[in-house]
N, C-alpha and C. Protein backbone atom coordinates (compact mmCIF):
# COMPACT_ATOMS: atom_id res chain seq x y z
N ALA A 1 56.60 70.30 80.06
CA ALA A 1 56.24 69.64 81.30
C ALA A 1 56.47 70.50 82.23
N LEU A 2 57.49 71.33 82.46
CA LEU A 2 58.03 72.24 83.37
C LEU A 2 56.99 73.06 83.52
N VAL A 3 56.21 73.67 82.45
CA VAL A 3 55.10 74.87 82.69
C VAL A 3 53.88 74.25 83.41
N GLY A 4 53.70 73.01 82.81
CA GLY A 4 52.37 72.38 83.57
C GLY A 4 52.61 72.18 85.19
N ALA A 5 53.67 71.97 85.25
CA ALA A 5 54.00 71.53 86.72
C ALA A 5 54.01 72.91 87.36
N ALA A 6 54.66 73.85 86.88
CA ALA A 6 54.50 75.44 87.55
C ALA A 6 52.87 75.79 87.43
N ALA A 7 52.47 75.53 86.73
CA ALA A 7 50.79 75.91 86.64
C ALA A 7 50.28 75.21 87.64
N LEU A 8 50.31 73.76 87.76
CA LEU A 8 49.64 73.07 88.97
C LEU A 8 49.96 73.59 90.06
N LEU A 9 51.42 73.88 90.60
CA LEU A 9 51.69 74.20 91.91
C LEU A 9 51.26 75.72 91.92
N MET A 10 51.09 76.61 91.27
CA MET A 10 50.43 77.76 91.38
C MET A 10 49.16 77.71 91.73
N GLN A 11 48.08 76.65 91.23
CA GLN A 11 46.92 76.40 91.72
C GLN A 11 46.74 76.27 92.96
N PHE A 12 47.98 75.28 93.64
CA PHE A 12 47.50 74.83 95.03
C PHE A 12 48.40 76.24 96.06
N GLY A 13 48.50 77.14 95.43
CA GLY A 13 49.26 78.26 96.38
C GLY A 13 50.86 77.94 96.74
N TYR A 14 51.66 77.26 95.86
CA TYR A 14 53.02 77.03 96.28
C TYR A 14 53.60 78.30 95.93
N PHE A 15 53.30 79.12 95.00
CA PHE A 15 54.04 80.27 94.71
C PHE A 15 53.43 81.31 95.20
N GLY A 16 54.26 82.50 95.94
CA GLY A 16 53.29 83.71 96.54
C GLY A 16 53.21 84.58 95.43
N PRO A 17 52.67 85.65 95.70
CA PRO A 17 52.65 87.02 94.92
C PRO A 17 54.16 87.46 94.83
N LEU A 18 54.28 88.19 93.56
CA LEU A 18 55.58 88.91 93.29
C LEU A 18 56.07 90.01 94.23
N SER A 19 57.06 89.98 94.95
CA SER A 19 57.45 91.01 95.81
C SER A 19 57.67 92.13 95.14
N ALA A 20 57.49 93.23 96.08
CA ALA A 20 57.82 94.61 95.70
C ALA A 20 59.08 94.91 94.81
N ARG A 21 60.08 94.04 95.17
CA ARG A 21 61.33 94.38 94.73
C ARG A 21 61.36 93.75 93.00
N VAL A 22 60.76 92.42 92.92
CA VAL A 22 60.70 91.67 91.57
C VAL A 22 59.54 92.60 90.88
N ARG A 23 58.89 93.12 91.33
CA ARG A 23 57.86 94.07 90.39
C ARG A 23 58.42 95.26 89.78
N GLY A 24 59.32 95.67 90.80
CA GLY A 24 59.97 96.99 90.56
C GLY A 24 60.80 96.73 89.37
N LEU A 25 61.48 95.44 89.02
CA LEU A 25 62.41 94.94 87.82
C LEU A 25 61.48 95.16 86.75
N PHE A 26 60.08 94.70 86.56
CA PHE A 26 59.58 94.88 85.17
C PHE A 26 58.37 95.65 85.23
N VAL A 27 58.18 96.80 86.08
CA VAL A 27 57.21 97.93 86.15
C VAL A 27 57.97 98.95 86.17
N LYS A 28 57.27 100.01 85.21
CA LYS A 28 58.17 101.23 85.54
C LYS A 28 58.35 101.82 86.81
N HIS A 29 57.28 101.95 87.51
CA HIS A 29 57.42 102.31 88.82
C HIS A 29 56.36 102.28 89.45
N THR A 30 56.29 101.47 90.67
CA THR A 30 54.95 101.42 91.26
C THR A 30 54.89 101.57 92.62
N ARG A 31 54.14 102.46 93.35
CA ARG A 31 54.09 102.54 94.71
C ARG A 31 53.57 101.73 95.47
N THR A 32 54.69 101.15 96.27
CA THR A 32 54.32 100.14 97.46
C THR A 32 53.73 100.48 98.53
N GLY A 33 54.27 101.63 98.88
CA GLY A 33 53.84 102.26 100.46
C GLY A 33 55.01 101.93 101.30
N ASN A 34 56.10 101.27 100.81
CA ASN A 34 57.25 101.09 101.70
C ASN A 34 58.05 102.23 100.93
N PRO A 35 58.55 102.93 101.75
CA PRO A 35 59.50 104.16 101.41
C PRO A 35 60.74 103.77 100.79
N LEU A 36 61.30 102.64 101.50
CA LEU A 36 62.65 102.19 101.03
C LEU A 36 62.43 101.44 99.74
N VAL A 37 61.32 100.95 99.47
CA VAL A 37 61.39 100.25 98.44
C VAL A 37 60.91 100.91 97.17
N ASP A 38 60.27 101.99 97.64
CA ASP A 38 59.90 103.12 96.45
C ASP A 38 61.18 104.02 96.28
N SER A 39 61.91 104.16 96.92
CA SER A 39 63.28 105.17 96.70
C SER A 39 64.13 104.62 96.07
N VAL A 40 64.21 103.26 96.06
CA VAL A 40 65.13 102.42 95.14
C VAL A 40 64.57 102.18 93.94
N ALA A 41 63.28 101.90 93.72
CA ALA A 41 62.41 101.73 92.39
C ALA A 41 62.17 103.05 91.68
N GLU A 42 62.66 104.31 92.27
CA GLU A 42 62.59 105.56 91.21
C GLU A 42 64.07 105.55 90.27
N HIS A 43 64.92 104.68 90.84
CA HIS A 43 66.27 104.88 90.21
C HIS A 43 66.13 104.32 88.60
N GLN A 44 66.65 105.13 87.69
CA GLN A 44 66.45 104.35 86.39
C GLN A 44 68.02 104.49 85.97
N PRO A 45 68.11 103.76 84.98
CA PRO A 45 69.59 103.99 84.19
C PRO A 45 69.93 105.06 83.58
N ALA A 46 71.39 105.36 83.55
CA ALA A 46 71.29 106.91 83.04
C ALA A 46 71.47 106.59 81.76
N ASN A 47 71.30 107.98 80.89
CA ASN A 47 71.40 107.91 79.28
C ASN A 47 72.74 108.31 79.19
N GLU A 48 72.99 108.14 77.63
CA GLU A 48 74.61 108.53 77.09
C GLU A 48 74.77 109.80 77.45
N GLN A 49 73.94 110.72 77.75
CA GLN A 49 74.19 112.15 77.86
C GLN A 49 74.85 112.22 79.07
N ALA A 50 74.38 111.84 80.07
CA ALA A 50 74.80 111.82 81.32
C ALA A 50 76.14 111.45 81.55
N TYR A 51 76.52 110.16 80.93
CA TYR A 51 77.82 109.65 80.95
C TYR A 51 78.96 110.52 80.24
N SER A 52 78.70 111.30 79.30
CA SER A 52 79.15 112.23 78.51
C SER A 52 79.62 113.45 79.36
N HIS A 53 78.44 113.96 80.05
CA HIS A 53 78.67 115.08 80.96
C HIS A 53 79.55 114.77 82.16
N TYR A 54 79.36 113.65 82.84
CA TYR A 54 80.08 113.63 84.28
C TYR A 54 81.47 113.02 83.84
N LEU A 55 81.86 112.17 82.74
CA LEU A 55 82.97 111.60 82.50
C LEU A 55 83.77 112.43 81.45
N HIS A 56 83.29 113.48 80.80
CA HIS A 56 83.80 114.45 79.89
C HIS A 56 84.65 114.03 78.74
N HIS A 57 86.11 114.15 78.97
CA HIS A 57 86.89 113.63 77.94
C HIS A 57 87.42 111.99 78.26
N ILE A 58 87.41 111.51 79.17
CA ILE A 58 87.69 110.23 79.46
C ILE A 58 86.49 109.11 78.83
N TYR A 59 85.23 109.70 78.61
CA TYR A 59 84.16 109.07 77.96
C TYR A 59 84.60 108.67 76.59
N HIS A 60 85.39 109.51 75.74
CA HIS A 60 85.84 109.49 74.60
C HIS A 60 87.10 108.74 74.22
N ILE A 61 88.19 108.68 75.60
CA ILE A 61 89.40 108.33 75.29
C ILE A 61 89.08 106.67 75.78
N ALA A 62 88.28 106.38 76.48
CA ALA A 62 88.37 104.98 77.18
C ALA A 62 88.20 103.91 76.01
N PRO A 63 87.51 103.90 75.17
CA PRO A 63 87.63 102.73 74.07
C PRO A 63 89.10 102.78 73.48
N TYR A 64 89.65 103.75 73.19
CA TYR A 64 91.17 103.64 72.82
C TYR A 64 92.15 103.15 73.79
N GLY A 65 91.75 103.09 74.98
CA GLY A 65 92.61 102.47 76.08
C GLY A 65 92.32 100.82 75.94
N PHE A 66 90.92 100.62 75.80
CA PHE A 66 90.58 99.53 75.72
C PHE A 66 91.27 98.28 74.61
N LEU A 67 91.48 99.20 73.57
CA LEU A 67 92.16 98.67 72.20
C LEU A 67 93.68 98.48 72.53
N LEU A 68 94.40 99.44 73.14
CA LEU A 68 95.70 99.69 73.54
C LEU A 68 95.80 98.18 74.43
N SER A 69 94.86 98.15 75.63
CA SER A 69 95.07 96.81 76.32
C SER A 69 94.85 95.53 75.48
N LEU A 70 94.16 95.39 74.51
CA LEU A 70 94.26 94.22 73.48
C LEU A 70 95.47 93.94 72.86
N VAL A 71 96.14 95.22 72.66
CA VAL A 71 97.39 95.18 71.83
C VAL A 71 98.56 94.81 72.52
N ARG A 72 98.69 95.18 73.76
CA ARG A 72 99.82 94.80 74.66
C ARG A 72 99.31 93.87 75.64
N PHE A 73 99.26 93.01 75.15
CA PHE A 73 98.78 91.49 76.40
C PHE A 73 99.62 91.35 77.37
N THR A 74 99.01 91.56 78.66
CA THR A 74 100.00 91.00 79.85
C THR A 74 98.88 90.75 80.85
N ASP A 75 98.88 90.35 81.98
CA ASP A 75 97.88 89.66 82.82
C ASP A 75 97.04 90.68 83.39
N ALA A 76 97.67 91.99 83.56
CA ALA A 76 96.96 93.12 84.01
C ALA A 76 95.91 93.31 83.26
N ASN A 77 96.54 93.49 81.81
CA ASN A 77 95.58 93.91 80.88
C ASN A 77 94.70 92.98 80.25
N LEU A 78 94.77 91.58 80.69
CA LEU A 78 93.74 90.54 80.27
C LEU A 78 92.65 90.59 81.49
N PHE A 79 92.93 91.06 82.85
CA PHE A 79 91.85 91.46 83.67
C PHE A 79 90.91 92.57 83.22
N ILE A 80 91.59 93.56 82.57
CA ILE A 80 90.84 94.56 82.29
C ILE A 80 89.87 94.10 80.79
N VAL A 81 90.56 93.42 80.15
CA VAL A 81 89.72 92.97 79.21
C VAL A 81 88.62 91.92 79.50
N LEU A 82 88.85 91.34 80.15
CA LEU A 82 87.79 90.50 80.86
C LEU A 82 86.74 91.01 81.56
N TYR A 83 87.14 92.05 82.56
CA TYR A 83 86.25 92.77 83.32
C TYR A 83 85.34 93.75 82.69
N ALA A 84 85.95 94.35 81.21
CA ALA A 84 85.06 95.54 80.88
C ALA A 84 83.96 94.52 80.06
């Protein structure tokens, strides 16, 4: 029923075309002509090698700190566990 209503509203022009920001979420990279949108759309998530390179030893030690936060249960450690 919901899909049918959306299809009907789309035929009447209720929904406009997708914005460049929304298209940038699903398409690898689309040139829009807007330099600001294009520069942000070019950003891609980092790979594991980049994290290892920039965080160096902390990248490998952080999981142990997370486990230590689970063992020593305080309000501050609860925040870390929930935030992670």
